[in-house]
């Protein structure tokens, strides 16, 4: 329950409130500090430089087409971009597949596309 504030106490009360708000803002800035930097978007070229393995352009496109890496497509420019915080989480939490495993996934995807094209006509027509 709030205490009654007299007119004479008002300036101090407002000052205390403003100090409390400033403290809250500082805490929010501190909490957002790491996430704000991580939530920037990377281009494919920036991702290649940022990723510890410095993957080739072809590898990044393969990861993207297999749905292995989180990505976004800018609706205005249709360019692919990657959220840095998601890439960090992906690198930290995912077990990276070996080249053999990636090739097997790719081959399975190609085989699936071929079968779908045989059954229902072309998907890329």
Protein backbone atom coordinates (compact mmCIF):
# COMPACT_ATOMS: atom_id res chain seq x y z
CA UNK A 1 0.00 0.00 0.00
CA UNK A 2 1.34 3.46 -0.87
CA UNK A 3 1.95 6.08 1.76
CA UNK A 4 0.26 9.43 1.38
CA UNK A 5 2.68 11.99 -0.03
CA UNK A 6 2.39 15.63 0.93
CA UNK A 7 3.06 18.46 -1.47
CA UNK A 8 6.37 19.17 0.28
CA UNK A 9 7.47 15.54 -0.19
CA UNK A 10 6.51 15.45 -3.87
CA UNK A 11 9.87 16.55 -5.35
CA UNK A 12 11.74 13.88 -3.37
CA UNK A 13 9.16 11.22 -4.26
CA UNK A 14 9.39 12.10 -7.97
CA UNK A 15 13.19 12.00 -7.72
CA UNK A 16 13.03 8.55 -6.12
CA UNK A 17 10.70 7.34 -8.87
CA UNK A 18 13.00 8.71 -11.57
CA UNK A 19 16.01 7.04 -9.91
CA UNK A 20 14.10 3.75 -9.84
CA UNK A 21 13.22 4.10 -13.52
CA UNK A 22 16.85 4.85 -14.38
CA UNK A 23 17.89 1.70 -12.49
CA UNK A 24 15.34 -0.38 -14.40
CA UNK A 25 16.58 1.08 -17.69
CA UNK A 26 20.17 0.20 -16.79
CA UNK A 27 19.16 -3.37 -15.95
CA UNK A 28 17.25 -3.66 -19.24
CA UNK A 29 20.22 -2.32 -21.22
CA UNK A 30 22.50 -4.79 -19.47
CA UNK A 31 20.17 -7.70 -20.19
CA UNK A 32 19.70 -6.63 -23.81
CA UNK A 33 23.38 -5.92 -24.33
CA UNK A 34 24.37 -9.43 -25.35
CA UNK A 35 21.15 -10.15 -27.22
CA UNK A 36 21.15 -6.87 -29.11
CA UNK A 37 24.53 -7.67 -30.63
CA UNK A 38 23.53 -11.27 -31.32
CA UNK A 39 20.26 -10.35 -32.98
CA UNK A 40 21.90 -8.66 -35.93
CA UNK A 41 21.49 -10.35 -39.29
CA UNK A 42 24.39 -11.78 -41.26
CA UNK A 43 24.69 -12.11 -45.02
CA UNK A 44 26.01 -15.36 -46.46
CA UNK A 45 29.46 -13.81 -46.79
CA UNK A 46 29.38 -12.59 -43.18
CA UNK A 47 28.23 -16.04 -42.04
CA UNK A 48 31.15 -17.65 -43.89
CA UNK A 49 33.59 -15.34 -42.09
CA UNK A 50 31.82 -15.70 -38.71
CA UNK A 51 31.43 -19.50 -38.67
CA UNK A 52 34.42 -21.22 -37.03
CA UNK A 53 34.87 -23.59 -40.00
CA UNK A 54 34.60 -20.81 -42.62
CA UNK A 55 32.39 -22.95 -44.89
CA UNK A 56 32.33 -22.46 -48.64
CA UNK A 57 29.41 -20.75 -50.35
CA UNK A 58 28.32 -24.12 -51.75
CA UNK A 59 28.30 -25.65 -48.23
CA UNK A 60 26.18 -22.82 -46.84
CA UNK A 61 23.70 -23.22 -49.72
CA UNK A 62 23.58 -26.98 -49.08
CA UNK A 63 22.93 -26.44 -45.36
CA UNK A 64 20.18 -24.00 -46.28
CA UNK A 65 18.52 -26.26 -48.85
CA UNK A 66 18.58 -29.20 -46.43
CA UNK A 67 17.04 -27.07 -43.69
CA UNK A 68 20.08 -27.75 -41.57
CA UNK A 69 20.81 -24.09 -40.71
CA UNK A 70 18.26 -21.47 -39.58
CA UNK A 71 17.83 -18.69 -42.14
CA UNK A 72 15.45 -15.99 -43.32
CA UNK A 73 14.67 -14.60 -46.73
CA UNK A 74 14.22 -10.85 -46.96
CA UNK A 75 10.88 -10.40 -48.76
CA UNK A 76 11.96 -7.11 -50.33
CA UNK A 77 15.36 -8.17 -51.68
CA UNK A 78 14.85 -11.96 -51.66
CA UNK A 79 18.34 -12.24 -50.17
CA UNK A 80 19.09 -14.89 -47.58
CA UNK A 81 20.12 -13.72 -44.14
CA UNK A 82 20.96 -15.39 -40.85
CA UNK A 83 20.14 -14.20 -37.32
CA UNK A 84 23.42 -14.11 -35.40
CA UNK A 85 21.86 -15.27 -32.11
CA UNK A 86 20.32 -18.30 -33.85
CA UNK A 87 23.62 -19.12 -35.55
CA UNK A 88 25.39 -18.94 -32.18
CA UNK A 89 22.81 -21.28 -30.64
CA UNK A 90 23.00 -23.60 -33.67
CA UNK A 91 26.80 -23.79 -33.48
CA UNK A 92 26.75 -24.31 -29.70
CA UNK A 93 23.99 -26.90 -29.52
CA UNK A 94 24.12 -28.87 -32.73
CA UNK A 95 26.36 -31.77 -33.39
CA UNK A 96 27.90 -30.90 -36.69
CA UNK A 97 27.34 -33.54 -39.29
CA UNK A 98 30.27 -35.11 -41.03
CA UNK A 99 30.70 -34.53 -44.76
CA UNK A 100 29.45 -38.09 -45.32
CA UNK A 101 26.26 -37.44 -43.30
CA UNK A 102 25.63 -34.17 -45.15
CA UNK A 103 26.13 -35.90 -48.50
CA UNK A 104 23.73 -38.68 -47.50
CA UNK A 105 21.10 -36.08 -46.53
CA UNK A 106 21.65 -34.29 -49.81
CA UNK A 107 21.37 -37.51 -51.83
CA UNK A 108 18.16 -38.44 -50.01
CA UNK A 109 16.71 -35.04 -50.79
CA UNK A 110 17.64 -35.29 -54.47
CA UNK A 111 16.18 -38.79 -54.68
CA UNK A 112 12.97 -37.56 -53.02
CA UNK A 113 12.67 -34.71 -55.52
CA UNK A 114 13.20 -37.10 -58.43
CA UNK A 115 10.48 -39.42 -57.14
CA UNK A 116 8.07 -36.52 -56.64
CA UNK A 117 8.78 -35.30 -60.16
CA UNK A 118 8.13 -38.79 -61.57
CA UNK A 119 4.87 -39.09 -59.67
CA UNK A 120 3.35 -35.66 -59.97
CA UNK A 121 5.07 -33.83 -62.77
CA UNK A 122 7.80 -31.30 -62.07
CA UNK A 123 7.96 -29.15 -58.98
CA UNK A 124 10.37 -26.74 -60.65
CA UNK A 125 8.47 -26.37 -63.92
